């Protein structure tokens, strides 16, 4: 199951994906850095609403390259 642009009190993560094993909170950037996307997740507390669930919550930051037309980099951080 996936939700896009999930409204929260401090902003909106770009996507939240729910699987049987984990919850993935994702932020996407264009021509910036994957670390900048992950920083946005951290600063705005996008994972907080999901920490009460009984499964791992993973924050994923992605950067897309407009020049390469693909994912340029991504980083992951697990919150338990």
N, C-alpha and C. Protein backbone atom coordinates (compact mmCIF):
# COMPACT_ATOMS: atom_id res chain seq x y z
N UNK A 1 0.85 -1.16 0.00
CA UNK A 1 0.00 0.00 0.00
C UNK A 1 0.89 1.23 0.00
N UNK A 2 0.56 2.25 -0.80
CA UNK A 2 1.36 3.47 -0.86
C UNK A 2 0.46 4.70 -0.75
N UNK A 3 0.96 5.69 -0.03
CA UNK A 3 0.29 6.98 0.06
C UNK A 3 1.27 8.04 -0.45
N UNK A 4 0.76 9.01 -1.17
CA UNK A 4 1.61 10.09 -1.69
C UNK A 4 1.22 11.41 -1.03
N UNK A 5 2.24 12.26 -0.79
CA UNK A 5 2.03 13.60 -0.22
C UNK A 5 1.15 13.53 1.03
N UNK A 6 1.58 12.73 2.00
CA UNK A 6 0.83 12.52 3.23
C UNK A 6 0.92 13.76 4.10
N UNK A 7 -0.20 14.40 4.38
CA UNK A 7 -0.20 15.62 5.19
C UNK A 7 0.14 15.32 6.64
N UNK A 8 1.08 16.09 7.17
CA UNK A 8 1.47 16.00 8.57
C UNK A 8 1.58 17.43 9.09
N UNK A 9 1.76 17.58 10.38
CA UNK A 9 1.79 18.93 10.97
C UNK A 9 2.99 19.76 10.52
N UNK A 10 4.10 19.10 10.14
CA UNK A 10 5.31 19.83 9.74
C UNK A 10 5.64 19.66 8.26
N UNK A 11 4.70 19.28 7.45
CA UNK A 11 4.97 19.12 6.02
C UNK A 11 4.37 17.85 5.48
N UNK A 12 4.92 17.39 4.35
CA UNK A 12 4.39 16.20 3.68
C UNK A 12 5.52 15.36 3.12
N UNK A 13 5.70 14.13 3.62
CA UNK A 13 6.64 13.24 2.94
C UNK A 13 6.10 12.94 1.54
N UNK A 14 6.99 12.75 0.58
CA UNK A 14 6.55 12.51 -0.79
C UNK A 14 5.79 11.19 -0.93
N UNK A 15 6.24 10.16 -0.19
CA UNK A 15 5.56 8.86 -0.27
C UNK A 15 5.78 8.09 1.02
N UNK A 16 4.76 7.32 1.40
CA UNK A 16 4.88 6.37 2.50
C UNK A 16 4.38 5.03 1.98
N UNK A 17 5.26 4.02 2.06
CA UNK A 17 4.93 2.69 1.55
C UNK A 17 4.81 1.74 2.73
N UNK A 18 3.70 1.01 2.78
CA UNK A 18 3.44 0.05 3.83
C UNK A 18 3.56 -1.36 3.26
N UNK A 19 4.47 -2.16 3.82
CA UNK A 19 4.58 -3.57 3.43
C UNK A 19 4.34 -4.42 4.68
N UNK A 20 4.31 -5.72 4.53
CA UNK A 20 4.13 -6.60 5.68
C UNK A 20 5.32 -6.53 6.62
N UNK A 21 6.50 -6.24 6.08
CA UNK A 21 7.73 -6.26 6.87
C UNK A 21 8.13 -4.91 7.45
N UNK A 22 7.80 -3.80 6.77
CA UNK A 22 8.30 -2.49 7.19
C UNK A 22 7.44 -1.37 6.61
N UNK A 23 7.72 -0.16 7.11
CA UNK A 23 7.11 1.06 6.58
C UNK A 23 8.26 1.91 6.05
N UNK A 24 8.12 2.42 4.83
CA UNK A 24 9.15 3.22 4.18
C UNK A 24 8.63 4.64 3.98
N UNK A 25 9.32 5.60 4.58
CA UNK A 25 8.98 7.02 4.42
C UNK A 25 10.00 7.59 3.44
N UNK A 26 9.51 8.14 2.32
CA UNK A 26 10.39 8.55 1.23
C UNK A 26 10.26 10.04 0.91
N UNK A 27 11.42 10.61 0.59
CA UNK A 27 11.47 12.00 0.13
C UNK A 27 12.33 12.02 -1.13
N UNK A 28 11.88 12.76 -2.15
CA UNK A 28 12.56 12.82 -3.44
C UNK A 28 13.06 14.24 -3.71
N UNK A 29 14.25 14.34 -4.26
CA UNK A 29 14.82 15.62 -4.67
C UNK A 29 15.23 15.53 -6.14
N UNK A 30 15.30 16.67 -6.79
CA UNK A 30 15.76 16.75 -8.17
C UNK A 30 17.00 17.61 -8.21
N UNK A 31 18.10 17.03 -8.66
CA UNK A 31 19.38 17.73 -8.81
C UNK A 31 19.86 18.37 -7.50
N UNK A 32 19.62 17.69 -6.40
CA UNK A 32 20.16 18.13 -5.11
C UNK A 32 21.02 16.99 -4.58
N UNK A 33 20.62 16.39 -3.46
CA UNK A 33 21.34 15.23 -2.95
C UNK A 33 20.38 14.34 -2.19
N UNK A 34 20.72 13.06 -2.15
CA UNK A 34 19.91 12.12 -1.39
C UNK A 34 19.98 12.46 0.10
N UNK A 35 21.13 12.93 0.54
CA UNK A 35 21.29 13.31 1.94
C UNK A 35 20.39 14.50 2.29
N UNK A 36 20.19 15.44 1.37
CA UNK A 36 19.28 16.57 1.60
C UNK A 36 17.85 16.06 1.79
N UNK A 37 17.48 15.06 1.02
CA UNK A 37 16.14 14.47 1.15
C UNK A 37 15.99 13.79 2.52
N UNK A 38 17.01 13.05 2.92
CA UNK A 38 16.98 12.38 4.23
C UNK A 38 16.96 13.41 5.36
N UNK A 39 17.71 14.49 5.22
CA UNK A 39 17.70 15.57 6.21
C UNK A 39 16.30 16.16 6.37
N UNK A 40 15.58 16.31 5.27
CA UNK A 40 14.22 16.85 5.34
C UNK A 40 13.32 15.91 6.14
N UNK A 41 13.48 14.62 5.95
CA UNK A 41 12.71 13.64 6.72
C UNK A 41 13.02 13.78 8.20
N UNK A 42 14.30 13.89 8.53
CA UNK A 42 14.73 14.03 9.93
C UNK A 42 14.19 15.33 10.54
N UNK A 43 14.44 16.45 9.86
CA UNK A 43 14.08 17.76 10.40
C UNK A 43 12.58 17.92 10.63
N UNK A 44 11.79 17.33 9.77
CA UNK A 44 10.34 17.48 9.88
C UNK A 44 9.66 16.33 10.62
N UNK A 45 10.44 15.37 11.08
CA UNK A 45 9.89 14.27 11.87
C UNK A 45 8.88 13.42 11.12
N UNK A 46 9.11 13.23 9.82
CA UNK A 46 8.14 12.49 9.01
C UNK A 46 7.93 11.04 9.47
N UNK A 47 8.91 10.44 10.14
CA UNK A 47 8.75 9.04 10.57
C UNK A 47 7.96 8.92 11.87
N UNK A 48 7.85 9.98 12.64
CA UNK A 48 7.26 9.93 13.98
C UNK A 48 5.88 9.26 14.03
N UNK A 49 4.94 9.58 13.14
CA UNK A 49 3.61 8.97 13.25
C UNK A 49 3.61 7.45 13.07
N UNK A 50 4.68 6.90 12.53
CA UNK A 50 4.71 5.47 12.22
C UNK A 50 5.52 4.65 13.22
N UNK A 51 6.19 5.31 14.16
CA UNK A 51 7.04 4.59 15.11
C UNK A 51 6.24 3.74 16.09
N UNK A 52 4.97 4.02 16.25
CA UNK A 52 4.14 3.21 17.15
C UNK A 52 3.74 1.87 16.54
N UNK A 53 3.95 1.72 15.25
CA UNK A 53 3.65 0.45 14.58
C UNK A 53 4.63 -0.62 15.03
N UNK A 54 4.23 -1.85 14.95
CA UNK A 54 5.09 -2.95 15.39
C UNK A 54 5.92 -3.52 14.26
N UNK A 55 6.56 -2.65 13.53
CA UNK A 55 7.46 -3.06 12.44
C UNK A 55 8.48 -1.96 12.23
N UNK A 56 9.61 -2.28 11.61
CA UNK A 56 10.63 -1.26 11.37
C UNK A 56 10.11 -0.13 10.47
N UNK A 57 10.61 1.07 10.74
CA UNK A 57 10.29 2.23 9.91
C UNK A 57 11.61 2.69 9.29
N UNK A 58 11.62 2.80 7.97
CA UNK A 58 12.84 3.19 7.26
C UNK A 58 12.62 4.50 6.52
N UNK A 59 13.56 5.41 6.71
CA UNK A 59 13.54 6.69 6.00
C UNK A 59 14.45 6.56 4.79
N UNK A 60 13.94 6.94 3.62
CA UNK A 60 14.70 6.84 2.38
C UNK A 60 14.72 8.18 1.67
N UNK A 61 15.92 8.64 1.35
CA UNK A 61 16.08 9.87 0.59
C UNK A 61 16.61 9.55 -0.79
N UNK A 62 15.98 10.11 -1.81
CA UNK A 62 16.37 9.86 -3.20
C UNK A 62 16.71 11.17 -3.89
N UNK A 63 17.68 11.13 -4.79
CA UNK A 63 17.93 12.26 -5.68
C UNK A 63 17.82 11.77 -7.12
N UNK A 64 17.06 12.51 -7.91
CA UNK A 64 16.94 12.23 -9.34
C UNK A 64 17.81 13.23 -10.10
N UNK A 65 18.51 12.75 -11.10
CA UNK A 65 19.33 13.59 -11.95
C UNK A 65 18.56 13.93 -13.21
N UNK A 66 18.38 15.23 -13.46
CA UNK A 66 17.69 15.62 -14.70
C UNK A 66 18.58 15.38 -15.91
N UNK A 67 19.88 15.38 -15.71
CA UNK A 67 20.81 15.13 -16.81
C UNK A 67 20.83 13.65 -17.19
N UNK A 68 20.92 12.77 -16.19
CA UNK A 68 20.98 11.32 -16.45
C UNK A 68 19.60 10.71 -16.66
N UNK A 69 18.54 11.41 -16.21
CA UNK A 69 17.16 10.91 -16.30
C UNK A 69 16.97 9.62 -15.50
N UNK A 70 17.56 9.59 -14.30
CA UNK A 70 17.45 8.40 -13.44
C UNK A 70 17.75 8.79 -12.00
N UNK A 71 17.55 7.80 -11.10
CA UNK A 71 17.94 8.01 -9.71
C UNK A 71 19.45 8.10 -9.67
N UNK A 72 19.93 9.20 -9.14
CA UNK A 72 21.36 9.50 -9.07
C UNK A 72 21.97 8.88 -7.81
N UNK A 73 21.22 8.98 -6.69
CA UNK A 73 21.72 8.46 -5.41
C UNK A 73 20.55 8.25 -4.48
N UNK A 74 20.73 7.37 -3.50
CA UNK A 74 19.74 7.20 -2.46
C UNK A 74 20.43 6.77 -1.17
N UNK A 75 19.81 7.13 -0.03
CA UNK A 75 20.32 6.76 1.28
C UNK A 75 19.15 6.26 2.13
N UNK A 76 19.47 5.41 3.08
CA UNK A 76 18.46 4.80 3.92
C UNK A 76 18.88 4.90 5.38
N UNK A 77 17.89 5.08 6.24
CA UNK A 77 18.14 5.12 7.68
C UNK A 77 16.97 4.41 8.35
N UNK A 78 17.28 3.46 9.22
CA UNK A 78 16.21 2.72 9.89
C UNK A 78 15.94 3.31 11.26
N UNK A 79 14.67 3.47 11.55
CA UNK A 79 14.21 3.95 12.87
C UNK A 79 13.44 2.80 13.51
N UNK A 80 13.73 2.54 14.75
CA UNK A 80 13.02 1.44 15.44
C UNK A 80 12.33 1.98 16.68
